[in-house]
Amino acid sequence: MKQVRVGVVGLGMGLNHARAFAEYEKAKLAALCDIRSDLLKRACDEFKVKGYLSYDEMLKDPGIDAVVIVTPSYEHATMGIYAALHGKHVLVEKPIATDLTAGDWLIRVCKERGVKLAGIFQSRLDPMNIRMKQIVDEGKIGKVYQIEGILRWWRDDKTYYHANKEVEMWKGTWFGEGGGSLTNQGIHTVDQLYWMMGDVDTVYGQYDTVGHTIQAEDFCTALIRFKNGAAGYLVCTTCAPEDMQESRLSIYGNKGAVSKKVSYKGMASTGDQLTIKIGEKPAETVTEQTLKTDSLTIPKGGPHTWQCRDFIDSIIEDRDPVVTGESALKAVEIITAVYQSALQGKPVKLPLPRY
């Protein structure tokens, strides 16, 4: 069986990606890369693979077919472009870019070099989210007129944004992340709004920094009009009380509604619940346990692992990955529109101009 040889750069969150590829029979974890020598050595010892302190040297390795980029956000697009120029397939953690023009160039170079480009939005592979989208796409709740995306999380100022000088350099900054809570935490909610409803027509946003000593925002809200006519409402913050955190995605149509709610303790989810109301039928409640005992077979792992596997499969099968570069950049464009609207004090129309 053909195996795709993978190199992972960035060994913070990247350790999770490395593990997903190491455990997939169609992939071979070939190399790891990080500028922190102690961390690199520990990871290489764990996975029994070679390590690179230099990203450039890893890209020159002919024994690597694909590169997975899990570095600070501001490096994503540039490192992806370099990988494509070396003929490597590219998987990029969110956001795929912090700048729309850089994202456009990444997409263009990957196409010109004939390599696959995928962005990480694992929520699209969550079984509950897939069921929500099926209900909407099949017209079971009728014509959709409203969608709400709510993310109320808590992040500690000292331990999250100011853990060390390296973190302070980019996290919670306009340069490093391209924003704050919306770009980092809320981007998955924004992607779900786009994935469920399609392209956006206009955005009217507001943001503020109210609970952290950071440059960018930690609270924002936006009204979104989609091209299909539906109105969207977005709220995102990392200032919610730790014991009152939640995320919610609700879609309302003229024949019913569907809503998913997730509760949290600390930074971990404590359970998902999907509520479905169609016509005159009693509301149906679906939980994670319900899905696990469903007749449908759910593979081992989780949405993040499944997306890593999909990236490998897209290379072997020569097809588009589940989240293409173009699709991943849509969330960045919507977020950029929220910020631009807030600064201009008026609604902003999409698509946004490139500079």
Protein backbone atom coordinates (compact mmCIF):
# COMPACT_ATOMS: atom_id res chain seq x y z
CA MET A 1 0.00 0.00 0.00
CA LYS A 2 1.24 3.48 -0.87
CA GLN A 3 2.10 5.64 2.14
CA VAL A 4 2.33 9.43 2.15
CA ARG A 5 5.47 10.55 3.99
CA VAL A 6 4.68 13.46 6.31
CA GLY A 7 6.76 16.11 8.03
CA VAL A 8 5.24 18.18 10.86
CA VAL A 9 6.57 21.63 11.77
CA GLY A 10 5.60 23.16 15.12
CA LEU A 11 5.57 20.80 18.09
CA GLY A 12 3.11 22.45 20.43
CA MET A 13 -0.27 21.43 19.06
CA GLY A 14 1.67 19.72 16.28
CA LEU A 15 2.27 16.71 18.53
CA ASN A 16 -1.42 15.85 18.11
CA HIS A 17 -1.07 16.01 14.33
CA ALA A 18 2.08 13.89 14.46
CA ARG A 19 0.26 11.24 16.49
CA ALA A 20 -2.64 11.16 14.03
CA PHE A 21 -0.30 10.49 11.09
CA ALA A 22 1.84 8.01 13.03
CA GLU A 23 -1.26 5.94 13.76
CA TYR A 24 -2.65 5.97 10.19
CA GLU A 25 -1.66 3.05 8.00
CA LYS A 26 -1.73 5.14 4.80
CA ALA A 27 0.71 7.69 6.23
CA LYS A 28 4.29 7.54 7.44
CA LEU A 29 5.44 10.15 9.93
CA ALA A 30 8.85 10.87 8.39
CA ALA A 31 10.17 13.94 10.21
CA LEU A 32 9.51 16.61 12.83
CA CYS A 33 10.71 20.21 12.89
CA ASP A 34 10.91 22.84 15.63
CA ILE A 35 13.40 25.55 16.62
CA ARG A 36 13.26 24.36 20.25
CA SER A 37 15.94 21.67 20.40
CA ASP A 38 14.87 20.11 23.71
CA LEU A 39 11.26 19.74 22.61
CA LEU A 40 12.35 18.41 19.22
CA LYS A 41 14.56 15.74 20.78
CA ARG A 42 11.81 14.50 23.09
CA ALA A 43 9.31 14.30 20.22
CA CYS A 44 11.75 12.52 17.90
CA ASP A 45 12.56 10.02 20.63
CA GLU A 46 8.87 9.38 21.17
CA PHE A 47 7.98 8.88 17.50
CA LYS A 48 11.34 7.39 16.41
CA VAL A 49 11.76 9.80 13.49
CA LYS A 50 14.41 12.27 12.38
CA GLY A 51 14.25 15.89 13.47
CA TYR A 52 15.10 19.24 11.90
CA LEU A 53 15.87 22.52 13.63
CA SER A 54 15.70 24.18 10.19
CA TYR A 55 12.44 24.25 8.23
CA ASP A 56 14.40 24.90 5.05
CA GLU A 57 16.43 21.72 5.60
CA MET A 58 13.27 19.66 6.16
CA LEU A 59 11.76 20.96 2.91
CA LYS A 60 14.88 19.80 1.04
CA ASP A 61 14.36 16.23 2.29
CA PRO A 62 13.30 14.08 -0.70
CA GLY A 63 11.82 11.57 1.72
CA ILE A 64 8.93 13.91 2.60
CA ASP A 65 5.81 14.19 0.42
CA ALA A 66 3.65 16.46 2.56
CA VAL A 67 4.16 19.12 5.22
CA VAL A 68 1.83 19.92 8.11
CA ILE A 69 2.17 23.48 9.45
CA VAL A 70 1.30 24.02 13.13
CA THR A 71 3.41 27.10 13.89
CA PRO A 72 2.29 30.57 15.12
CA SER A 73 -0.47 31.94 12.90
CA TYR A 74 1.55 34.65 11.19
CA GLU A 75 3.87 32.01 9.69
CA HIS A 76 1.17 29.80 8.17
CA ALA A 77 0.81 31.23 4.68
CA THR A 78 4.53 31.92 4.13
CA MET A 79 5.60 28.48 5.29
CA GLY A 80 2.88 26.92 3.15
CA ILE A 81 4.14 28.78 0.07
CA TYR A 82 7.71 27.60 0.71
CA ALA A 83 6.50 24.01 1.08
CA ALA A 84 4.60 24.19 -2.21
CA LEU A 85 7.65 25.65 -3.97
CA HIS A 86 9.52 22.53 -2.84
CA GLY A 87 6.79 20.32 -4.30
CA LYS A 88 5.25 19.28 -0.97
CA HIS A 89 1.52 18.88 -0.32
CA VAL A 90 0.37 21.30 2.41
CA LEU A 91 -1.93 20.99 5.43
CA VAL A 92 -2.22 24.20 7.47
CA GLU A 93 -3.74 24.70 10.90
CA LYS A 94 -6.28 27.47 11.28
CA PRO A 95 -6.14 30.22 10.29
CA ILE A 96 -4.77 29.31 6.88
CA ALA A 97 -3.46 32.89 6.72
CA THR A 98 -3.68 36.07 8.78
CA ASP A 99 -3.83 38.20 5.63
CA LEU A 100 -6.17 37.63 2.67
CA THR A 101 -3.58 38.47 0.03
CA ALA A 102 -1.11 36.03 1.56
CA GLY A 103 -3.85 33.40 1.58
CA ASP A 104 -4.58 34.05 -2.08
CA TRP A 105 -0.90 33.61 -2.93
CA LEU A 106 -0.73 30.35 -0.99
CA ILE A 107 -3.69 28.99 -2.96
CA ARG A 108 -2.21 30.19 -6.25
CA VAL A 109 1.25 28.71 -5.67
CA CYS A 110 -0.18 25.34 -4.61
CA LYS A 111 -2.24 25.21 -7.80
CA GLU A 112 0.71 26.20 -9.99
CA ARG A 113 2.91 23.55 -8.37
CA GLY A 114 0.22 20.88 -8.55
CA VAL A 115 0.15 20.08 -4.82
CA LYS A 116 -2.80 19.60 -2.48
CA LEU A 117 -3.69 22.37 -0.03
CA ALA A 118 -5.97 21.80 2.95
CA GLY A 119 -6.94 23.90 5.96
CA ILE A 120 -7.88 22.50 9.37
CA PHE A 121 -11.54 22.94 10.31
CA GLN A 122 -12.30 19.67 12.04
CA SER A 123 -15.76 20.82 13.12
CA ARG A 124 -16.97 19.99 9.61
CA LEU A 125 -16.35 16.31 10.41
CA ASP A 126 -18.15 16.34 13.75
CA PRO A 127 -21.09 13.88 13.44
CA MET A 128 -23.54 16.31 15.08
CA ASN A 129 -22.54 19.15 12.76
CA ILE A 130 -22.86 16.85 9.75
CA ARG A 131 -26.37 15.90 10.87
CA MET A 132 -27.25 19.59 11.29
CA LYS A 133 -26.08 20.38 7.78
CA GLN A 134 -27.98 17.43 6.32
CA ILE A 135 -31.19 18.62 7.98
CA VAL A 136 -30.70 22.11 6.56
CA ASP A 137 -29.61 20.99 3.08
CA GLU A 138 -32.52 18.57 2.78
CA GLY A 139 -34.97 21.40 3.53
CA LYS A 140 -36.44 19.70 6.58
CA ILE A 141 -36.70 22.98 8.54
CA GLY A 142 -37.89 24.89 5.46
CA LYS A 143 -36.44 28.18 4.31
CA VAL A 144 -33.74 29.31 6.72
CA TYR A 145 -34.12 32.89 7.89
CA GLN A 146 -31.73 33.01 10.85
CA ILE A 147 -28.53 31.41 12.12
CA GLU A 148 -26.79 32.13 15.42
CA GLY A 149 -23.21 31.34 16.35
CA ILE A 150 -22.35 31.89 20.02
CA LEU A 151 -18.95 31.23 21.61
CA ARG A 152 -18.54 32.29 25.23
CA TRP A 153 -15.24 30.93 26.51
CA TRP A 154 -12.77 31.79 29.25
CA ARG A 155 -9.02 32.16 28.83
CA ASP A 156 -6.78 33.23 31.70
CA ASP A 157 -4.83 36.40 30.95
CA LYS A 158 -1.57 35.34 32.59
CA THR A 159 -1.36 31.65 31.74
CA TYR A 160 -2.83 31.85 28.23
CA TYR A 161 -1.75 35.19 26.75
CA HIS A 162 1.34 35.87 28.90
CA ALA A 163 2.73 32.42 29.62
CA ASN A 164 6.17 33.49 28.36
CA LYS A 165 7.86 36.05 26.08
CA GLU A 166 7.56 33.74 23.08
CA VAL A 167 3.77 33.52 23.50
CA GLU A 168 3.41 37.26 24.17
CA MET A 169 5.19 37.99 20.88
CA TRP A 170 2.26 36.78 18.77
CA LYS A 171 -0.77 35.58 20.72
CA GLY A 172 -3.52 38.18 21.03
CA THR A 173 -1.80 40.56 18.59
CA TRP A 174 -2.92 41.90 15.23
CA PHE A 175 0.39 40.97 13.65
CA GLY A 176 0.77 37.52 15.18
CA GLU A 177 -2.79 36.19 15.01
CA GLY A 178 -4.53 38.68 12.77
CA GLY A 179 -6.85 39.40 15.69
CA GLY A 180 -7.81 38.00 19.08
CA SER A 181 -10.63 35.80 20.30
CA LEU A 182 -12.47 35.78 16.98
CA THR A 183 -9.41 34.80 14.91
CA ASN A 184 -8.21 32.14 17.35
CA GLN A 185 -11.20 30.67 19.18
CA GLY A 186 -14.19 31.95 17.20
CA ILE A 187 -12.88 31.03 13.76
CA HIS A 188 -14.40 27.55 14.02
CA THR A 189 -17.82 29.10 14.71
CA VAL A 190 -17.37 31.45 11.76
CA ASP A 191 -16.46 28.50 9.55
CA GLN A 192 -19.60 26.68 10.68
CA LEU A 193 -21.75 29.69 9.78
CA TYR A 194 -20.20 29.76 6.29
CA TRP A 195 -20.35 25.97 5.86
CA MET A 196 -24.03 25.84 6.82
CA MET A 197 -25.20 28.95 4.94
CA GLY A 198 -22.76 29.61 2.09
CA ASP A 199 -21.28 32.89 0.94
CA VAL A 200 -21.74 36.12 2.90
CA ASP A 201 -23.13 39.33 1.39
CA THR A 202 -22.60 41.93 4.16
CA VAL A 203 -21.13 42.11 7.67
CA TYR A 204 -21.64 44.68 10.42
CA GLY A 205 -19.30 44.13 13.35
CA GLN A 206 -18.22 45.56 16.68
CA TYR A 207 -15.32 44.54 18.93
CA ASP A 208 -13.59 45.54 22.15
CA THR A 209 -10.91 44.42 24.62
CA VAL A 210 -12.51 44.12 28.03
CA GLY A 211 -10.92 41.37 30.09
CA HIS A 212 -7.31 40.82 29.01
CA THR A 213 -4.12 42.86 28.63
CA ILE A 214 -3.73 42.12 24.92
CA GLN A 215 -3.50 44.23 21.78
CA ALA A 216 -6.36 42.63 19.85
CA GLU A 217 -9.99 42.04 20.84
CA ASP A 218 -11.37 39.55 23.36
CA PHE A 219 -15.05 40.29 22.63
CA CYS A 220 -16.89 40.86 19.38
CA THR A 221 -20.34 40.64 17.89
CA ALA A 222 -21.55 40.85 14.31
CA LEU A 223 -24.67 40.82 12.16
CA ILE A 224 -24.19 38.86 8.95
CA ARG A 225 -26.41 38.77 5.86
CA PHE A 226 -25.83 35.71 3.69
CA LYS A 227 -26.35 35.61 -0.06
CA ASN A 228 -29.15 33.06 0.44
CA GLY A 229 -31.10 35.76 2.34
CA ALA A 230 -30.61 34.39 5.87
CA ALA A 231 -29.52 36.71 8.68
CA GLY A 232 -26.70 35.64 10.99
CA TYR A 233 -25.80 36.69 14.50
CA LEU A 234 -22.30 36.10 15.89
CA VAL A 235 -20.97 36.53 19.42
CA CYS A 236 -17.45 35.57 20.45
CA THR A 237 -15.54 36.20 23.67
CA THR A 238 -12.83 34.71 25.89
CA CYS A 239 -14.09 36.73 28.89
CA ALA A 240 -16.99 34.50 29.98
CA PRO A 241 -16.92 33.25 33.60
CA GLU A 242 -15.05 29.95 33.69
CA ASP A 243 -18.07 28.07 35.07
CA MET A 244 -20.51 29.58 32.52
CA GLN A 245 -18.75 28.75 29.26
CA GLU A 246 -20.77 27.57 26.28
CA SER A 247 -20.87 27.41 22.52
CA ARG A 248 -24.06 27.21 20.51
CA LEU A 249 -25.02 27.00 16.86
CA SER A 250 -28.73 27.45 16.10
CA ILE A 251 -30.48 27.50 12.73
CA TYR A 252 -34.12 28.59 12.32
CA GLY A 253 -36.34 27.92 9.32
CA ASN A 254 -40.03 28.51 8.61
CA LYS A 255 -40.77 24.81 9.27
CA GLY A 256 -38.52 24.09 12.24
CA ALA A 257 -35.16 24.59 13.89
CA VAL A 258 -32.00 22.77 14.87
CA SER A 259 -29.60 23.79 17.63
CA LYS A 260 -26.36 22.38 19.02
CA LYS A 261 -25.07 23.36 22.45
CA VAL A 262 -21.71 22.48 24.02
CA SER A 263 -20.85 23.01 27.69
CA TYR A 264 -17.31 23.31 29.08
CA LYS A 265 -15.22 22.96 32.21
CA GLY A 266 -11.93 24.79 31.95
CA MET A 267 -10.76 24.32 28.37
CA ALA A 268 -12.44 20.93 27.90
CA SER A 269 -15.88 20.07 26.57
CA THR A 270 -18.22 18.34 29.02
CA GLY A 271 -20.83 17.28 26.50
CA ASP A 272 -22.69 18.11 23.28
CA GLN A 273 -26.45 18.19 22.77
CA LEU A 274 -28.33 18.55 19.50
CA THR A 275 -32.00 19.59 19.55
CA ILE A 276 -34.11 19.07 16.41
CA LYS A 277 -37.61 20.48 15.96
CA ILE A 278 -39.36 19.77 12.66
CA GLY A 279 -42.95 20.81 12.04
CA GLU A 280 -45.47 19.56 14.59
CA LYS A 281 -43.30 16.67 15.74
CA PRO A 282 -41.98 16.72 19.32
CA ALA A 283 -38.45 18.05 19.63
CA GLU A 284 -35.76 15.37 19.35
CA THR A 285 -32.64 15.48 21.50
CA VAL A 286 -29.42 13.86 20.32
CA THR A 287 -26.36 13.47 22.56
CA GLU A 288 -22.86 12.16 21.96
CA GLN A 289 -23.89 8.87 23.57
CA THR A 290 -26.86 8.62 21.20
CA LEU A 291 -24.51 8.90 18.24
CA LYS A 292 -22.13 6.31 19.67
CA THR A 293 -24.93 3.75 19.96
CA ASP A 294 -26.42 4.64 16.56
CA SER A 295 -26.42 2.01 13.83
CA LEU A 296 -23.98 4.14 11.85
CA THR A 297 -20.37 3.14 12.38
CA ILE A 298 -18.20 5.98 13.66
CA PRO A 299 -14.46 5.37 13.14
CA LYS A 300 -11.92 5.57 15.94
CA GLY A 301 -10.36 8.89 16.79
CA GLY A 302 -12.22 12.18 16.43
CA PRO A 303 -12.85 14.97 13.92
CA HIS A 304 -9.27 16.26 14.08
CA THR A 305 -7.79 12.81 13.47
CA TRP A 306 -10.30 12.18 10.69
CA GLN A 307 -9.33 15.37 8.92
CA CYS A 308 -5.64 14.46 9.06
CA ARG A 309 -6.57 11.13 7.46
CA ASP A 310 -8.70 12.86 4.83
CA PHE A 311 -5.69 14.97 3.83
CA ILE A 312 -3.68 11.77 3.23
CA ASP A 313 -6.56 10.17 1.33
CA SER A 314 -6.96 13.25 -0.88
CA ILE A 315 -3.32 12.88 -1.97
CA ILE A 316 -3.58 9.14 -2.66
CA GLU A 317 -6.97 9.44 -4.42
CA ASP A 318 -6.04 12.70 -6.20
CA ARG A 319 -9.17 14.56 -5.06
CA ASP A 320 -9.98 17.71 -3.14
CA PRO A 321 -9.58 17.50 0.65
CA VAL A 322 -12.70 18.02 2.75
CA VAL A 323 -11.55 21.60 3.50
CA THR A 324 -9.78 23.15 0.51
CA GLY A 325 -7.56 26.22 0.72
CA GLU A 326 -10.24 28.37 -0.89
CA SER A 327 -12.85 27.16 1.58
CA ALA A 328 -10.56 27.67 4.59
CA LEU A 329 -9.83 31.26 3.52
CA LYS A 330 -13.57 32.13 3.61
CA ALA A 331 -13.56 32.26 7.42
CA VAL A 332 -10.54 34.58 7.36
CA GLU A 333 -12.38 36.88 4.95
CA ILE A 334 -15.51 37.00 7.13
CA ILE A 335 -13.42 37.75 10.24
CA THR A 336 -11.51 40.46 8.38
CA ALA A 337 -14.86 41.97 7.37
CA VAL A 338 -15.97 42.04 11.04
CA TYR A 339 -12.83 43.99 11.99
CA GLN A 340 -13.04 46.35 9.00
CA SER A 341 -16.71 47.04 9.67
CA ALA A 342 -16.01 47.86 13.30
CA LEU A 343 -13.23 50.26 12.35
CA GLN A 344 -15.33 51.94 9.65
CA GLY A 345 -18.51 52.04 11.71
CA LYS A 346 -20.65 50.69 8.88
CA PRO A 347 -21.56 47.41 7.15
CA VAL A 348 -18.94 45.94 4.81
CA LYS A 349 -19.80 44.10 1.60
CA LEU A 350 -18.07 40.90 0.53
CA PRO A 351 -16.00 39.78 -1.27
CA LEU A 352 -13.39 42.09 0.21
CA PRO A 353 -10.89 43.83 -2.07
CA ARG A 354 -7.30 42.57 -2.02
CA TYR A 355 -4.33 44.92 -1.68
